[in-house]
């Protein structure tokens, strides 16, 4: 599930809590905690998924290509 941070009060919210939050907070901008993109009250509803957990937690540049197998090292020294 996507989490958002209110740009006005700093509260972290799940999508089901957004509508109620807009009634209580004057903010009109929210940032996605995962990808950092900023959304308005209308556009935030369309943001359901941004990056995969693998993209979020793997070291940069370590993403595996689909269908690739890891290369085995040839150890010829004794």
PDB file of N, CA and C in Angstrom:
ATOM      1  N   UNK A   1       0.845  -1.180   0.000  1.00  0.00           N
ATOM      2  CA  UNK A   1       0.000   0.000   0.000  1.00  0.00           C
ATOM      3  C   UNK A   1       0.889   1.242   0.000  1.00  0.00           C
ATOM      4  N   UNK A   2       0.453   2.224  -0.731  1.00  0.00           N
ATOM      5  CA  UNK A   2       1.199   3.469  -0.874  1.00  0.00           C
ATOM      6  C   UNK A   2       0.924   4.376   0.329  1.00  0.00           C
ATOM      7  N   UNK A   3       1.981   4.984   0.852  1.00  0.00           N
ATOM      8  CA  UNK A   3       1.885   5.934   1.962  1.00  0.00           C
ATOM      9  C   UNK A   3       2.219   7.319   1.443  1.00  0.00           C
ATOM     10  N   UNK A   4       1.568   8.329   2.007  1.00  0.00           N
ATOM     11  CA  UNK A   4       1.781   9.716   1.620  1.00  0.00           C
ATOM     12  C   UNK A   4       2.111  10.553   2.851  1.00  0.00           C
ATOM     13  N   UNK A   5       2.842  11.636   2.615  1.00  0.00           N
ATOM     14  CA  UNK A   5       3.128  12.587   3.685  1.00  0.00           C
ATOM     15  C   UNK A   5       2.494  13.920   3.313  1.00  0.00           C
ATOM     16  N   UNK A   6       1.741  14.481   4.241  1.00  0.00           N
ATOM     17  CA  UNK A   6       1.099  15.771   4.035  1.00  0.00           C
ATOM     18  C   UNK A   6       2.179  16.849   4.035  1.00  0.00           C
ATOM     19  N   UNK A   7       2.181  17.690   3.006  1.00  0.00           N
ATOM     20  CA  UNK A   7       3.179  18.754   2.888  1.00  0.00           C
ATOM     21  C   UNK A   7       2.937  19.888   3.878  1.00  0.00           C
ATOM     22  N   UNK A   8       1.726  19.975   4.420  1.00  0.00           N
ATOM     23  CA  UNK A   8       1.399  21.059   5.341  1.00  0.00           C
ATOM     24  C   UNK A   8       1.697  20.681   6.787  1.00  0.00           C
ATOM     25  N   UNK A   9       1.139  19.556   7.256  1.00  0.00           N
ATOM     26  CA  UNK A   9       1.281  19.200   8.675  1.00  0.00           C
ATOM     27  C   UNK A   9       2.317  18.100   8.923  1.00  0.00           C
ATOM     28  N   UNK A  10       2.779  17.406   7.862  1.00  0.00           N
ATOM     29  CA  UNK A  10       3.805  16.383   8.014  1.00  0.00           C
ATOM     30  C   UNK A  10       3.283  15.014   8.411  1.00  0.00           C
ATOM     31  N   UNK A  11       1.979  14.839   8.516  1.00  0.00           N
ATOM     32  CA  UNK A  11       1.403  13.556   8.917  1.00  0.00           C
ATOM     33  C   UNK A  11       1.560  12.522   7.796  1.00  0.00           C
ATOM     34  N   UNK A  12       1.876  11.271   8.166  1.00  0.00           N
ATOM     35  CA  UNK A  12       1.969  10.171   7.207  1.00  0.00           C
ATOM     36  C   UNK A  12       0.632   9.455   7.155  1.00  0.00           C
ATOM     37  N   UNK A  13       0.142   9.223   5.931  1.00  0.00           N
ATOM     38  CA  UNK A  13      -1.211   8.697   5.746  1.00  0.00           C
ATOM     39  C   UNK A  13      -1.255   7.613   4.690  1.00  0.00           C
ATOM     40  N   UNK A  14      -2.113   6.608   4.923  1.00  0.00           N
ATOM     41  CA  UNK A  14      -2.445   5.636   3.893  1.00  0.00           C
ATOM     42  C   UNK A  14      -3.556   6.238   3.048  1.00  0.00           C
ATOM     43  N   UNK A  15      -3.703   5.722   1.842  1.00  0.00           N
ATOM     44  CA  UNK A  15      -4.697   6.278   0.920  1.00  0.00           C
ATOM     45  C   UNK A  15      -6.121   6.307   1.489  1.00  0.00           C
ATOM     46  N   UNK A  16      -6.592   5.257   2.197  1.00  0.00           N
ATOM     47  CA  UNK A  16      -7.967   5.327   2.720  1.00  0.00           C
ATOM     48  C   UNK A  16      -8.201   6.473   3.709  1.00  0.00           C
ATOM     49  N   UNK A  17      -7.168   7.015   4.313  1.00  0.00           N
ATOM     50  CA  UNK A  17      -7.309   8.095   5.295  1.00  0.00           C
ATOM     51  C   UNK A  17      -7.229   9.489   4.669  1.00  0.00           C
ATOM     52  N   UNK A  18      -6.927   9.568   3.377  1.00  0.00           N
ATOM     53  CA  UNK A  18      -6.701  10.864   2.738  1.00  0.00           C
ATOM     54  C   UNK A  18      -7.938  11.757   2.729  1.00  0.00           C
ATOM     55  N   UNK A  19      -9.078  11.198   2.363  1.00  0.00           N
ATOM     56  CA  UNK A  19     -10.287  12.021   2.242  1.00  0.00           C
ATOM     57  C   UNK A  19     -10.630  12.690   3.574  1.00  0.00           C
ATOM     58  N   UNK A  20     -10.558  11.948   4.654  1.00  0.00           N
ATOM     59  CA  UNK A  20     -10.829  12.514   5.971  1.00  0.00           C
ATOM     60  C   UNK A  20      -9.774  13.570   6.339  1.00  0.00           C
ATOM     61  N   UNK A  21      -8.528  13.322   5.960  1.00  0.00           N
ATOM     62  CA  UNK A  21      -7.459  14.269   6.265  1.00  0.00           C
ATOM     63  C   UNK A  21      -7.689  15.604   5.547  1.00  0.00           C
ATOM     64  N   UNK A  22      -8.162  15.558   4.303  1.00  0.00           N
ATOM     65  CA  UNK A  22      -8.423  16.795   3.563  1.00  0.00           C
ATOM     66  C   UNK A  22      -9.515  17.632   4.225  1.00  0.00           C
ATOM     67  N   UNK A  23     -10.419  16.990   4.950  1.00  0.00           N
ATOM     68  CA  UNK A  23     -11.464  17.744   5.655  1.00  0.00           C
ATOM     69  C   UNK A  23     -10.903  18.482   6.862  1.00  0.00           C
ATOM     70  N   UNK A  24      -9.861  17.928   7.478  1.00  0.00           N
ATOM     71  CA  UNK A  24      -9.309  18.485   8.714  1.00  0.00           C
ATOM     72  C   UNK A  24      -8.055  19.333   8.513  1.00  0.00           C
ATOM     73  N   UNK A  25      -7.407  19.220   7.371  1.00  0.00           N
ATOM     74  CA  UNK A  25      -6.135  19.906   7.134  1.00  0.00           C
ATOM     75  C   UNK A  25      -6.274  20.806   5.899  1.00  0.00           C
ATOM     76  N   UNK A  26      -5.627  21.937   5.944  1.00  0.00           N
ATOM     77  CA  UNK A  26      -5.719  22.887   4.836  1.00  0.00           C
ATOM     78  C   UNK A  26      -4.795  22.539   3.666  1.00  0.00           C
ATOM     79  N   UNK A  27      -4.032  21.486   3.798  1.00  0.00           N
ATOM     80  CA  UNK A  27      -3.066  21.119   2.767  1.00  0.00           C
ATOM     81  C   UNK A  27      -3.743  20.697   1.473  1.00  0.00           C
ATOM     82  N   UNK A  28      -3.087  20.989   0.366  1.00  0.00           N
ATOM     83  CA  UNK A  28      -3.562  20.537  -0.927  1.00  0.00           C
ATOM     84  C   UNK A  28      -2.481  19.735  -1.647  1.00  0.00           C
ATOM     85  N   UNK A  29      -1.329  19.503  -0.981  1.00  0.00           N
ATOM     86  CA  UNK A  29      -0.245  18.747  -1.595  1.00  0.00           C
ATOM     87  C   UNK A  29       0.195  17.606  -0.678  1.00  0.00           C
ATOM     88  N   UNK A  30       0.448  16.450  -1.310  1.00  0.00           N
ATOM     89  CA  UNK A  30       0.936  15.274  -0.608  1.00  0.00           C
ATOM     90  C   UNK A  30       2.113  14.702  -1.376  1.00  0.00           C
ATOM     91  N   UNK A  31       3.081  14.150  -0.656  1.00  0.00           N
ATOM     92  CA  UNK A  31       4.232  13.506  -1.288  1.00  0.00           C
ATOM     93  C   UNK A  31       4.171  12.012  -1.039  1.00  0.00           C
ATOM     94  N   UNK A  32       4.451  11.231  -2.067  1.00  0.00           N
ATOM     95  CA  UNK A  32       4.530   9.779  -1.922  1.00  0.00           C
ATOM     96  C   UNK A  32       5.815   9.464  -1.160  1.00  0.00           C
ATOM     97  N   UNK A  33       5.721   8.681  -0.112  1.00  0.00           N
ATOM     98  CA  UNK A  33       6.894   8.360   0.700  1.00  0.00           C
ATOM     99  C   UNK A  33       7.876   7.484  -0.080  1.00  0.00           C
ATOM    100  N   UNK A  34       7.370   6.609  -0.958  1.00  0.00           N
ATOM    101  CA  UNK A  34       8.249   5.709  -1.704  1.00  0.00           C
ATOM    102  C   UNK A  34       9.017   6.392  -2.828  1.00  0.00           C
ATOM    103  N   UNK A  35       8.323   7.144  -3.670  1.00  0.00           N
ATOM    104  CA  UNK A  35       8.996   7.717  -4.839  1.00  0.00           C
ATOM    105  C   UNK A  35       9.287   9.204  -4.711  1.00  0.00           C
ATOM    106  N   UNK A  36       8.656   9.890  -3.735  1.00  0.00           N
ATOM    107  CA  UNK A  36       8.920  11.305  -3.515  1.00  0.00           C
ATOM    108  C   UNK A  36       8.153  12.246  -4.414  1.00  0.00           C
ATOM    109  N   UNK A  37       7.323  11.725  -5.305  1.00  0.00           N
ATOM    110  CA  UNK A  37       6.552  12.578  -6.206  1.00  0.00           C
ATOM    111  C   UNK A  37       5.451  13.304  -5.435  1.00  0.00           C
ATOM    112  N   UNK A  38       5.161  14.546  -5.829  1.00  0.00           N
ATOM    113  CA  UNK A  38       4.154  15.361  -5.158  1.00  0.00           C
ATOM    114  C   UNK A  38       2.851  15.330  -5.947  1.00  0.00           C
ATOM    115  N   UNK A  39       1.733  15.231  -5.220  1.00  0.00           N
ATOM    116  CA  UNK A  39       0.412  15.142  -5.828  1.00  0.00           C
ATOM    117  C   UNK A  39      -0.530  16.148  -5.197  1.00  0.00           C
ATOM    118  N   UNK A  40      -1.545  16.532  -5.961  1.00  0.00           N
ATOM    119  CA  UNK A  40      -2.624  17.365  -5.448  1.00  0.00           C
ATOM    120  C   UNK A  40      -3.756  16.481  -4.952  1.00  0.00           C
ATOM    121  N   UNK A  41      -4.813  17.094  -4.426  1.00  0.00           N
ATOM    122  CA  UNK A  41      -5.938  16.334  -3.888  1.00  0.00           C
ATOM    123  C   UNK A  41      -6.597  15.455  -4.938  1.00  0.00           C
ATOM    124  N   UNK A  42      -6.668  15.905  -6.162  1.00  0.00           N
ATOM    125  CA  UNK A  42      -7.320  15.117  -7.217  1.00  0.00           C
ATOM    126  C   UNK A  42      -6.387  14.065  -7.805  1.00  0.00           C
ATOM    127  N   UNK A  43      -5.138  14.407  -8.040  1.00  0.00           N
ATOM    128  CA  UNK A  43      -4.224  13.481  -8.706  1.00  0.00           C
ATOM    129  C   UNK A  43      -3.716  12.368  -7.795  1.00  0.00           C
ATOM    130  N   UNK A  44      -3.802  12.545  -6.479  1.00  0.00           N
ATOM    131  CA  UNK A  44      -3.286  11.542  -5.553  1.00  0.00           C
ATOM    132  C   UNK A  44      -4.085  10.239  -5.644  1.00  0.00           C
ATOM    133  N   UNK A  45      -5.357  10.313  -5.994  1.00  0.00           N
ATOM    134  CA  UNK A  45      -6.185   9.109  -6.069  1.00  0.00           C
ATOM    135  C   UNK A  45      -5.712   8.150  -7.164  1.00  0.00           C
ATOM    136  N   UNK A  46      -5.071   8.658  -8.196  1.00  0.00           N
ATOM    137  CA  UNK A  46      -4.580   7.818  -9.289  1.00  0.00           C
ATOM    138  C   UNK A  46      -3.244   7.167  -9.004  1.00  0.00           C
ATOM    139  N   UNK A  47      -2.592   7.552  -7.929  1.00  0.00           N
ATOM    140  CA  UNK A  47      -1.277   7.003  -7.602  1.00  0.00           C
ATOM    141  C   UNK A  47      -1.466   5.783  -6.703  1.00  0.00           C
ATOM    142  N   UNK A  48      -1.485   4.607  -7.314  1.00  0.00           N
ATOM    143  CA  UNK A  48      -1.735   3.391  -6.554  1.00  0.00           C
ATOM    144  C   UNK A  48      -0.470   2.560  -6.372  1.00  0.00           C
ATOM    145  N   UNK A  49       0.514   2.778  -7.221  1.00  0.00           N
ATOM    146  CA  UNK A  49       1.744   1.995  -7.163  1.00  0.00           C
ATOM    147  C   UNK A  49       2.830   2.796  -7.861  1.00  0.00           C
ATOM    148  N   UNK A  50       4.045   2.787  -7.303  1.00  0.00           N
ATOM    149  CA  UNK A  50       5.083   3.563  -7.963  1.00  0.00           C
ATOM    150  C   UNK A  50       6.345   2.740  -8.214  1.00  0.00           C
ATOM    151  N   UNK A  51       6.954   2.190  -7.175  1.00  0.00           N
ATOM    152  CA  UNK A  51       8.144   1.376  -7.360  1.00  0.00           C
ATOM    153  C   UNK A  51       7.960   0.058  -6.627  1.00  0.00           C
ATOM    154  N   UNK A  52       8.647  -0.961  -7.101  1.00  0.00           N
ATOM    155  CA  UNK A  52       8.540  -2.262  -6.458  1.00  0.00           C
ATOM    156  C   UNK A  52       9.412  -2.293  -5.210  1.00  0.00           C
ATOM    157  N   UNK A  53       9.168  -3.260  -4.349  1.00  0.00           N
ATOM    158  CA  UNK A  53       9.998  -3.399  -3.153  1.00  0.00           C
ATOM    159  C   UNK A  53      11.438  -3.688  -3.536  1.00  0.00           C
ATOM    160  N   UNK A  54      11.655  -4.440  -4.617  1.00  0.00           N
ATOM    161  CA  UNK A  54      13.016  -4.732  -5.067  1.00  0.00           C
ATOM    162  C   UNK A  54      13.738  -3.444  -5.451  1.00  0.00           C
ATOM    163  N   UNK A  55      13.046  -2.562  -6.174  1.00  0.00           N
ATOM    164  CA  UNK A  55      13.653  -1.288  -6.557  1.00  0.00           C
ATOM    165  C   UNK A  55      13.923  -0.418  -5.334  1.00  0.00           C
ATOM    166  N   UNK A  56      13.053  -0.525  -4.331  1.00  0.00           N
ATOM    167  CA  UNK A  56      13.186   0.304  -3.146  1.00  0.00           C
ATOM    168  C   UNK A  56      14.326  -0.148  -2.242  1.00  0.00           C
ATOM    169  N   UNK A  57      14.508  -1.463  -2.096  1.00  0.00           N
ATOM    170  CA  UNK A  57      15.439  -1.970  -1.104  1.00  0.00           C
ATOM    171  C   UNK A  57      16.760  -2.515  -1.653  1.00  0.00           C
ATOM    172  N   UNK A  58      16.848  -2.833  -2.951  1.00  0.00           N
ATOM    173  CA  UNK A  58      18.108  -3.311  -3.516  1.00  0.00           C
ATOM    174  C   UNK A  58      19.068  -2.153  -3.687  1.00  0.00           C
ATOM    175  N   UNK A  59      20.365  -2.432  -3.564  1.00  0.00           N
ATOM    176  CA  UNK A  59      21.350  -1.364  -3.822  1.00  0.00           C
ATOM    177  C   UNK A  59      21.213  -0.842  -5.246  1.00  0.00           C
ATOM    178  N   UNK A  60      21.485   0.427  -5.423  1.00  0.00           N
ATOM    179  CA  UNK A  60      21.377   1.040  -6.748  1.00  0.00           C
ATOM    180  C   UNK A  60      22.315   0.335  -7.723  1.00  0.00           C
ATOM    181  N   UNK A  61      21.815   0.105  -8.944  1.00  0.00           N
ATOM    182  CA  UNK A  61      22.619  -0.551  -9.967  1.00  0.00           C
ATOM    183  C   UNK A  61      22.656  -2.060  -9.837  1.00  0.00           C
ATOM    184  N   UNK A  62      21.946  -2.622  -8.878  1.00  0.00           N
ATOM    185  CA  UNK A  62      21.964  -4.059  -8.656  1.00  0.00           C
ATOM    186  C   UNK A  62      20.697  -4.745  -9.164  1.00  0.00           C
ATOM    187  N   UNK A  63      19.832  -4.021  -9.809  1.00  0.00           N
ATOM    188  CA  UNK A  63      18.583  -4.611 -10.288  1.00  0.00           C
ATOM    189  C   UNK A  63      18.889  -5.699 -11.304  1.00  0.00           C
ATOM    190  N   UNK A  64      18.207  -6.823 -11.174  1.00  0.00           N
ATOM    191  CA  UNK A  64      18.427  -7.954 -12.064  1.00  0.00           C
ATOM    192  C   UNK A  64      17.578  -7.797 -13.307  1.00  0.00           C
ATOM    193  N   UNK A  65      18.161  -8.152 -14.438  1.00  0.00           N
ATOM    194  CA  UNK A  65      17.413  -8.136 -15.684  1.00  0.00           C
ATOM    195  C   UNK A  65      16.505  -9.356 -15.705  1.00  0.00           C
ATOM    196  N   UNK A  66      15.322  -9.254 -16.265  1.00  0.00           N
ATOM    197  CA  UNK A  66      14.418 -10.397 -16.304  1.00  0.00           C
ATOM    198  C   UNK A  66      15.031 -11.550 -17.086  1.00  0.00           C
ATOM    199  N   UNK A  67      14.967 -12.746 -16.522  1.00  0.00           N
ATOM    200  CA  UNK A  67      15.474 -13.932 -17.207  1.00  0.00           C
ATOM    201  C   UNK A  67      16.970 -14.104 -17.128  1.00  0.00           C
ATOM    202  N   UNK A  68      17.667 -13.230 -16.436  1.00  0.00           N
ATOM    203  CA  UNK A  68      19.118 -13.368 -16.363  1.00  0.00           C
ATOM    204  C   UNK A  68      19.493 -14.290 -15.221  1.00  0.00           C
ATOM    205  N   UNK A  69      20.613 -14.956 -15.380  1.00  0.00           N
ATOM    206  CA  UNK A  69      21.131 -15.822 -14.324  1.00  0.00           C
ATOM    207  C   UNK A  69      22.461 -15.275 -13.861  1.00  0.00           C
ATOM    208  N   UNK A  70      22.767 -15.411 -12.590  1.00  0.00           N
ATOM    209  CA  UNK A  70      24.039 -14.893 -12.110  1.00  0.00           C
ATOM    210  C   UNK A  70      25.217 -15.654 -12.716  1.00  0.00           C
ATOM    211  N   UNK A  71      26.264 -14.922 -13.033  1.00  0.00           N
ATOM    212  CA  UNK A  71      27.457 -15.534 -13.611  1.00  0.00           C
ATOM    213  C   UNK A  71      28.245 -16.234 -12.520  1.00  0.00           C
ATOM    214  N   UNK A  72      28.782 -17.417 -12.866  1.00  0.00           N
ATOM    215  CA  UNK A  72      29.597 -18.149 -11.893  1.00  0.00           C
ATOM    216  C   UNK A  72      31.054 -17.775 -12.094  1.00  0.00           C
ATOM    217  N   UNK A  73      31.766 -17.597 -11.004  1.00  0.00           N
ATOM    218  CA  UNK A  73      33.183 -17.257 -11.087  1.00  0.00           C
ATOM    219  C   UNK A  73      33.988 -18.517 -11.319  1.00  0.00           C
ATOM    220  N   UNK A  74      34.949 -18.432 -12.230  1.00  0.00           N
ATOM    221  CA  UNK A  74      35.841 -19.552 -12.483  1.00  0.00           C
ATOM    222  C   UNK A  74      37.000 -19.464 -11.515  1.00  0.00           C
ATOM    223  N   UNK A  75      37.102 -20.432 -10.643  1.00  0.00           N
ATOM    224  CA  UNK A  75      38.171 -20.422  -9.643  1.00  0.00           C
ATOM    225  C   UNK A  75      39.197 -21.476 -10.052  1.00  0.00           C
ATOM    226  N   UNK A  76      40.257 -21.059 -10.764  1.00  0.00           N
ATOM    227  CA  UNK A  76      41.252 -21.996 -11.253  1.00  0.00           C
ATOM    228  C   UNK A  76      42.491 -22.068 -10.371  1.00  0.00           C
ATOM    229  N   UNK A  77      42.603 -21.170  -9.406  1.00  0.00           N
ATOM    230  CA  UNK A  77      43.779 -21.199  -8.539  1.00  0.00           C
ATOM    231  C   UNK A  77      43.586 -22.218  -7.420  1.00  0.00           C
ATOM    232  N   UNK A  78      44.712 -22.840  -6.988  1.00  0.00           N
ATOM    233  CA  UNK A  78      44.637 -23.847  -5.918  1.00  0.00           C
ATOM    234  C   UNK A  78      45.364 -23.397  -4.700  1.00  0.00           C
TER     235      UNK A  78
END
